[in-house]
Amino acid sequence: MNILSKILLFFLLLLAGGSFYSKSLLGEVFVTVVSGNTTEDWRTTVNGKADEGQRAHLATRGTGNAIVATMTGVAIVKDLPEMSKKLAEKIKEVKNLKIANIAKYMETPDFVKLLDNVWGRYKGKLSRVEWEAKYKTLYKNREIGKLTETKFEELMGADAIHLEIQTGAGKRYVDNVQNGVGKEVKSGKVSQFA
């Protein structure tokens, strides 16, 4: 069955009233976005009492738009793995540069001053050597996290960053908000158990 047959079958099922899509707001929106026709427009295409010109116009417009939407969607989905791979490679490249710069910074007198300042406020039980090793790891991870959030924003855009939300457990911050959807950006190693 070719793509045109599948699209037409979908709309025939829709018109027959046997589809969930015709009975929900989500379905109405989906049909309208994909085809440019509302479900009522599709019903008109098979209504023998409707104007023949209008029926032909609605059928042609809806089918054409659905084919274009489907083909465009297929093209985008087909390219997603390659796009994702390139994006991951670029982020890894930038991240590796940042890690090298962090390592160089940790050898400077400025970083030693920072360590001394933060150690002076530390009230925990770790020795200076143990604390410093942990602090350096946390510092590096925080810097990589900031870089990842910045790169995500540059690549994907954002309506807001670090949006504060008051919850029952206190204030929370969402890294990136786009079109009303909050996204928490994470960086680091990934495994099937993480």
C-alpha atoms as a PDB file:
ATOM      1  CA  MET A   1       0.000   0.000   0.000  1.00  0.00           C
ATOM      2  CA  ASN A   2       1.599   3.304  -1.052  1.00  0.00           C
ATOM      3  CA  ILE A   3       1.604   6.471   1.072  1.00  0.00           C
ATOM      4  CA  LEU A   4      -1.283   8.089  -0.837  1.00  0.00           C
ATOM      5  CA  SER A   5      -3.453   5.017  -0.253  1.00  0.00           C
ATOM      6  CA  LYS A   6      -2.627   5.085   3.448  1.00  0.00           C
ATOM      7  CA  ILE A   7      -3.531   8.762   3.726  1.00  0.00           C
ATOM      8  CA  LEU A   8      -6.783   8.284   1.867  1.00  0.00           C
ATOM      9  CA  LEU A   9      -7.621   5.232   4.005  1.00  0.00           C
ATOM     10  CA  PHE A  10      -6.981   7.291   7.131  1.00  0.00           C
ATOM     11  CA  PHE A  11      -9.366  10.008   5.974  1.00  0.00           C
ATOM     12  CA  LEU A  12     -11.992   7.476   4.906  1.00  0.00           C
ATOM     13  CA  LEU A  13     -11.889   5.972   8.392  1.00  0.00           C
ATOM     14  CA  LEU A  14     -12.136   9.451   9.771  1.00  0.00           C
ATOM     15  CA  LEU A  15     -15.177  10.239   7.677  1.00  0.00           C
ATOM     16  CA  ALA A  16     -16.828   6.986   8.642  1.00  0.00           C
ATOM     17  CA  GLY A  17     -16.688   8.116  12.261  1.00  0.00           C
ATOM     18  CA  GLY A  18     -14.714   5.045  13.272  1.00  0.00           C
ATOM     19  CA  SER A  19     -11.682   6.980  14.379  1.00  0.00           C
ATOM     20  CA  PHE A  20     -10.793   8.453  17.738  1.00  0.00           C
ATOM     21  CA  TYR A  21      -9.428  11.472  15.864  1.00  0.00           C
ATOM     22  CA  SER A  22     -12.844  12.668  14.758  1.00  0.00           C
ATOM     23  CA  LYS A  23     -14.185  12.555  18.304  1.00  0.00           C
ATOM     24  CA  SER A  24     -11.579  14.582  20.179  1.00  0.00           C
ATOM     25  CA  LEU A  25     -10.143  18.073  20.198  1.00  0.00           C
ATOM     26  CA  LEU A  26      -6.668  16.614  19.704  1.00  0.00           C
ATOM     27  CA  GLY A  27      -7.924  14.685  16.698  1.00  0.00           C
ATOM     28  CA  GLU A  28      -9.563  17.780  15.224  1.00  0.00           C
ATOM     29  CA  VAL A  29      -6.339  19.748  15.616  1.00  0.00           C
ATOM     30  CA  PHE A  30      -4.277  16.895  14.135  1.00  0.00           C
ATOM     31  CA  VAL A  31      -6.523  16.549  11.088  1.00  0.00           C
ATOM     32  CA  THR A  32      -6.607  20.312  10.509  1.00  0.00           C
ATOM     33  CA  VAL A  33      -2.837  20.736  10.862  1.00  0.00           C
ATOM     34  CA  VAL A  34      -1.998  17.782   8.602  1.00  0.00           C
ATOM     35  CA  SER A  35      -4.577  18.381   5.878  1.00  0.00           C
ATOM     36  CA  GLY A  36      -5.731  21.987   6.156  1.00  0.00           C
ATOM     37  CA  ASN A  37      -9.315  20.655   6.352  1.00  0.00           C
ATOM     38  CA  THR A  38     -11.430  20.264   9.449  1.00  0.00           C
ATOM     39  CA  THR A  39     -13.271  16.992   9.994  1.00  0.00           C
ATOM     40  CA  GLU A  40     -16.411  18.836   8.863  1.00  0.00           C
ATOM     41  CA  ASP A  41     -14.623  19.789   5.601  1.00  0.00           C
ATOM     42  CA  TRP A  42     -13.780  16.115   5.053  1.00  0.00           C
ATOM     43  CA  ARG A  43     -17.413  15.137   5.622  1.00  0.00           C
ATOM     44  CA  THR A  44     -18.403  17.735   3.023  1.00  0.00           C
ATOM     45  CA  THR A  45     -16.203  16.004   0.434  1.00  0.00           C
ATOM     46  CA  VAL A  46     -18.446  12.923   0.537  1.00  0.00           C
ATOM     47  CA  ASN A  47     -21.749  14.768   0.964  1.00  0.00           C
ATOM     48  CA  GLY A  48     -23.632  14.313  -2.303  1.00  0.00           C
ATOM     49  CA  LYS A  49     -25.770  17.389  -1.527  1.00  0.00           C
ATOM     50  CA  ALA A  50     -22.799  19.774  -1.210  1.00  0.00           C
ATOM     51  CA  ASP A  51     -21.559  21.948  -4.081  1.00  0.00           C
ATOM     52  CA  GLU A  52     -19.433  19.832  -6.466  1.00  0.00           C
ATOM     53  CA  GLY A  53     -16.768  22.561  -6.821  1.00  0.00           C
ATOM     54  CA  GLN A  54     -16.447  22.920  -3.060  1.00  0.00           C
ATOM     55  CA  ARG A  55     -16.231  19.136  -2.629  1.00  0.00           C
ATOM     56  CA  ALA A  56     -13.484  18.860  -5.250  1.00  0.00           C
ATOM     57  CA  HIS A  57     -11.565  21.811  -3.790  1.00  0.00           C
ATOM     58  CA  LEU A  58     -11.670  20.450  -0.227  1.00  0.00           C
ATOM     59  CA  ALA A  59     -10.665  16.931  -1.339  1.00  0.00           C
ATOM     60  CA  THR A  60      -7.769  18.208  -3.466  1.00  0.00           C
ATOM     61  CA  ARG A  61      -6.535  20.675  -0.837  1.00  0.00           C
ATOM     62  CA  GLY A  62      -6.762  18.179   2.006  1.00  0.00           C
ATOM     63  CA  THR A  63      -5.107  15.330   0.158  1.00  0.00           C
ATOM     64  CA  GLY A  64      -2.328  17.548  -1.244  1.00  0.00           C
ATOM     65  CA  ASN A  65      -1.566  19.108   2.130  1.00  0.00           C
ATOM     66  CA  ALA A  66      -1.592  15.708   3.830  1.00  0.00           C
ATOM     67  CA  ILE A  67       0.866  14.311   1.278  1.00  0.00           C
ATOM     68  CA  VAL A  68       3.204  17.305   1.660  1.00  0.00           C
ATOM     69  CA  ALA A  69       2.995  17.103   5.483  1.00  0.00           C
ATOM     70  CA  THR A  70       3.679  13.376   5.422  1.00  0.00           C
ATOM     71  CA  MET A  71       6.609  13.623   3.021  1.00  0.00           C
ATOM     72  CA  THR A  72       8.128  16.531   4.959  1.00  0.00           C
ATOM     73  CA  GLY A  73       7.712  14.615   8.204  1.00  0.00           C
ATOM     74  CA  VAL A  74       9.336  11.529   6.693  1.00  0.00           C
ATOM     75  CA  ALA A  75      12.269  13.618   5.407  1.00  0.00           C
ATOM     76  CA  ILE A  76      12.821  15.192   8.822  1.00  0.00           C
ATOM     77  CA  VAL A  77      12.523  11.903  10.691  1.00  0.00           C
ATOM     78  CA  LYS A  78      14.857  10.252   8.195  1.00  0.00           C
ATOM     79  CA  ASP A  79      17.516  12.914   8.886  1.00  0.00           C
ATOM     80  CA  LEU A  80      17.117  12.950  12.683  1.00  0.00           C
ATOM     81  CA  PRO A  81      19.776  10.315  13.436  1.00  0.00           C
ATOM     82  CA  GLU A  82      22.378  12.149  11.358  1.00  0.00           C
ATOM     83  CA  MET A  83      21.388  15.545  12.815  1.00  0.00           C
ATOM     84  CA  SER A  84      21.583  14.125  16.345  1.00  0.00           C
ATOM     85  CA  LYS A  85      24.976  12.584  15.664  1.00  0.00           C
ATOM     86  CA  LYS A  86      26.398  15.881  14.340  1.00  0.00           C
ATOM     87  CA  LEU A  87      24.959  17.788  17.293  1.00  0.00           C
ATOM     88  CA  ALA A  88      26.449  15.308  19.780  1.00  0.00           C
ATOM     89  CA  GLU A  89      29.855  15.500  18.060  1.00  0.00           C
ATOM     90  CA  LYS A  90      29.834  19.303  18.166  1.00  0.00           C
ATOM     91  CA  ILE A  91      28.860  19.399  21.835  1.00  0.00           C
ATOM     92  CA  LYS A  92      31.545  16.818  22.680  1.00  0.00           C
ATOM     93  CA  GLU A  93      34.155  18.855  20.789  1.00  0.00           C
ATOM     94  CA  VAL A  94      33.247  22.052  22.661  1.00  0.00           C
ATOM     95  CA  LYS A  95      33.020  20.171  25.969  1.00  0.00           C
ATOM     96  CA  ASN A  96      36.524  18.724  25.513  1.00  0.00           C
ATOM     97  CA  LEU A  97      37.907  22.214  24.867  1.00  0.00           C
ATOM     98  CA  LYS A  98      36.158  23.499  27.984  1.00  0.00           C
ATOM     99  CA  ILE A  99      37.535  20.622  30.106  1.00  0.00           C
ATOM    100  CA  ALA A 100      41.049  21.414  28.887  1.00  0.00           C
ATOM    101  CA  ASN A 101      40.530  25.087  29.784  1.00  0.00           C
ATOM    102  CA  ILE A 102      39.170  24.160  33.230  1.00  0.00           C
ATOM    103  CA  ALA A 103      42.200  21.950  33.888  1.00  0.00           C
ATOM    104  CA  LYS A 104      44.517  24.862  32.932  1.00  0.00           C
ATOM    105  CA  TYR A 105      42.523  27.264  35.133  1.00  0.00           C
ATOM    106  CA  MET A 106      42.810  24.904  38.113  1.00  0.00           C
ATOM    107  CA  GLU A 107      46.598  25.336  37.922  1.00  0.00           C
ATOM    108  CA  THR A 108      46.478  29.150  38.165  1.00  0.00           C
ATOM    109  CA  PRO A 109      46.994  31.339  41.238  1.00  0.00           C
ATOM    110  CA  ASP A 110      43.415  32.612  40.817  1.00  0.00           C
ATOM    111  CA  PHE A 111      42.009  29.113  41.332  1.00  0.00           C
ATOM    112  CA  VAL A 112      44.284  28.540  44.329  1.00  0.00           C
ATOM    113  CA  LYS A 113      42.863  31.771  45.837  1.00  0.00           C
ATOM    114  CA  LEU A 114      39.339  30.507  45.159  1.00  0.00           C
ATOM    115  CA  LEU A 115      40.165  27.191  46.868  1.00  0.00           C
ATOM    116  CA  ASP A 116      41.629  28.970  49.892  1.00  0.00           C
ATOM    117  CA  ASN A 117      38.585  31.260  50.140  1.00  0.00           C
ATOM    118  CA  VAL A 118      36.046  28.418  49.914  1.00  0.00           C
ATOM    119  CA  TRP A 119      38.097  26.145  52.218  1.00  0.00           C
ATOM    120  CA  GLY A 120      38.093  28.956  54.825  1.00  0.00           C
ATOM    121  CA  ARG A 121      34.271  28.772  54.926  1.00  0.00           C
ATOM    122  CA  TYR A 122      34.101  24.950  54.929  1.00  0.00           C
ATOM    123  CA  LYS A 123      32.800  23.455  58.178  1.00  0.00           C
ATOM    124  CA  GLY A 124      32.764  19.770  57.238  1.00  0.00           C
ATOM    125  CA  LYS A 125      34.800  16.777  58.413  1.00  0.00           C
ATOM    126  CA  LEU A 126      36.953  16.121  55.347  1.00  0.00           C
ATOM    127  CA  SER A 127      40.671  16.816  55.282  1.00  0.00           C
ATOM    128  CA  ARG A 128      41.888  19.591  53.002  1.00  0.00           C
ATOM    129  CA  VAL A 129      43.176  17.017  50.479  1.00  0.00           C
ATOM    130  CA  GLU A 130      39.882  15.055  50.413  1.00  0.00           C
ATOM    131  CA  TRP A 131      37.803  18.227  50.276  1.00  0.00           C
ATOM    132  CA  GLU A 132      39.919  19.728  47.487  1.00  0.00           C
ATOM    133  CA  ALA A 133      39.575  16.617  45.308  1.00  0.00           C
ATOM    134  CA  LYS A 134      35.769  16.710  45.720  1.00  0.00           C
ATOM    135  CA  TYR A 135      35.607  20.469  45.174  1.00  0.00           C
ATOM    136  CA  LYS A 136      37.614  20.238  41.937  1.00  0.00           C
ATOM    137  CA  THR A 137      35.296  17.514  40.619  1.00  0.00           C
ATOM    138  CA  LEU A 138      32.192  19.540  41.529  1.00  0.00           C
ATOM    139  CA  TYR A 139      33.689  22.712  40.048  1.00  0.00           C
ATOM    140  CA  LYS A 140      34.489  20.931  36.768  1.00  0.00           C
ATOM    141  CA  ASN A 141      31.002  19.352  36.612  1.00  0.00           C
ATOM    142  CA  ARG A 142      29.303  22.709  37.307  1.00  0.00           C
ATOM    143  CA  GLU A 143      31.300  24.410  34.551  1.00  0.00           C
ATOM    144  CA  ILE A 144      30.482  21.623  32.075  1.00  0.00           C
ATOM    145  CA  GLY A 145      26.805  21.877  33.085  1.00  0.00           C
ATOM    146  CA  LYS A 146      26.814  25.641  32.453  1.00  0.00           C
ATOM    147  CA  LEU A 147      28.436  25.071  29.059  1.00  0.00           C
ATOM    148  CA  THR A 148      25.879  22.404  28.154  1.00  0.00           C
ATOM    149  CA  GLU A 149      22.975  24.668  29.120  1.00  0.00           C
ATOM    150  CA  THR A 150      24.453  27.534  27.086  1.00  0.00           C
ATOM    151  CA  LYS A 151      25.031  25.369  24.009  1.00  0.00           C
ATOM    152  CA  PHE A 152      21.529  23.881  24.300  1.00  0.00           C
ATOM    153  CA  GLU A 153      20.079  27.396  24.404  1.00  0.00           C
ATOM    154  CA  GLU A 154      22.173  28.507  21.401  1.00  0.00           C
ATOM    155  CA  LEU A 155      21.128  25.475  19.349  1.00  0.00           C
ATOM    156  CA  MET A 156      17.479  25.116  20.404  1.00  0.00           C
ATOM    157  CA  GLY A 157      16.521  28.619  21.554  1.00  0.00           C
ATOM    158  CA  ALA A 158      14.629  29.538  24.693  1.00  0.00           C
ATOM    159  CA  ASP A 159      11.794  31.742  25.849  1.00  0.00           C
ATOM    160  CA  ALA A 160      13.312  31.761  29.342  1.00  0.00           C
ATOM    161  CA  ILE A 161      16.339  30.298  31.090  1.00  0.00           C
ATOM    162  CA  HIS A 162      16.658  29.439  34.770  1.00  0.00           C
ATOM    163  CA  LEU A 163      12.969  30.109  35.313  1.00  0.00           C
ATOM    164  CA  GLU A 164      12.106  30.144  39.022  1.00  0.00           C
ATOM    165  CA  ILE A 165       9.064  28.129  40.059  1.00  0.00           C
ATOM    166  CA  GLN A 166       7.669  28.054  43.589  1.00  0.00           C
ATOM    167  CA  THR A 167       6.709  24.515  44.663  1.00  0.00           C
ATOM    168  CA  GLY A 168       5.561  22.944  47.904  1.00  0.00           C
ATOM    169  CA  ALA A 169       9.170  21.885  48.470  1.00  0.00           C
ATOM    170  CA  GLY A 170      10.521  25.411  47.880  1.00  0.00           C
ATOM    171  CA  LYS A 171      11.966  27.193  44.854  1.00  0.00           C
ATOM    172  CA  ARG A 172      12.942  25.158  41.793  1.00  0.00           C
ATOM    173  CA  TYR A 173      14.702  26.394  38.673  1.00  0.00           C
ATOM    174  CA  VAL A 174      13.989  25.128  35.160  1.00  0.00           C
ATOM    175  CA  ASP A 175      17.056  25.310  32.895  1.00  0.00           C
ATOM    176  CA  ASN A 176      15.256  26.104  29.652  1.00  0.00           C
ATOM    177  CA  VAL A 177      11.675  26.967  28.738  1.00  0.00           C
ATOM    178  CA  GLN A 178      10.552  26.871  25.114  1.00  0.00           C
ATOM    179  CA  ASN A 179       6.953  27.238  23.942  1.00  0.00           C
ATOM    180  CA  GLY A 180       5.728  26.731  27.497  1.00  0.00           C
ATOM    181  CA  VAL A 181       7.631  23.453  27.952  1.00  0.00           C
ATOM    182  CA  GLY A 182      10.304  23.272  30.651  1.00  0.00           C
ATOM    183  CA  LYS A 183      13.464  21.354  29.800  1.00  0.00           C
ATOM    184  CA  GLU A 184      16.038  20.251  32.325  1.00  0.00           C
ATOM    185  CA  VAL A 185      19.439  20.084  30.621  1.00  0.00           C
ATOM    186  CA  LYS A 186      21.832  17.400  31.857  1.00  0.00           C
ATOM    187  CA  SER A 187      25.390  16.549  30.919  1.00  0.00           C
ATOM    188  CA  GLY A 188      27.663  13.650  31.750  1.00  0.00           C
ATOM    189  CA  LYS A 189      28.068  10.006  31.005  1.00  0.00           C
ATOM    190  CA  VAL A 190      24.997   8.013  30.096  1.00  0.00           C
ATOM    191  CA  SER A 191      24.416   4.327  30.606  1.00  0.00           C
ATOM    192  CA  GLN A 192      21.364   2.116  30.482  1.00  0.00           C
ATOM    193  CA  PHE A 193      21.275   2.221  34.286  1.00  0.00           C
ATOM    194  CA  ALA A 194      21.708   6.005  34.739  1.00  0.00           C
END
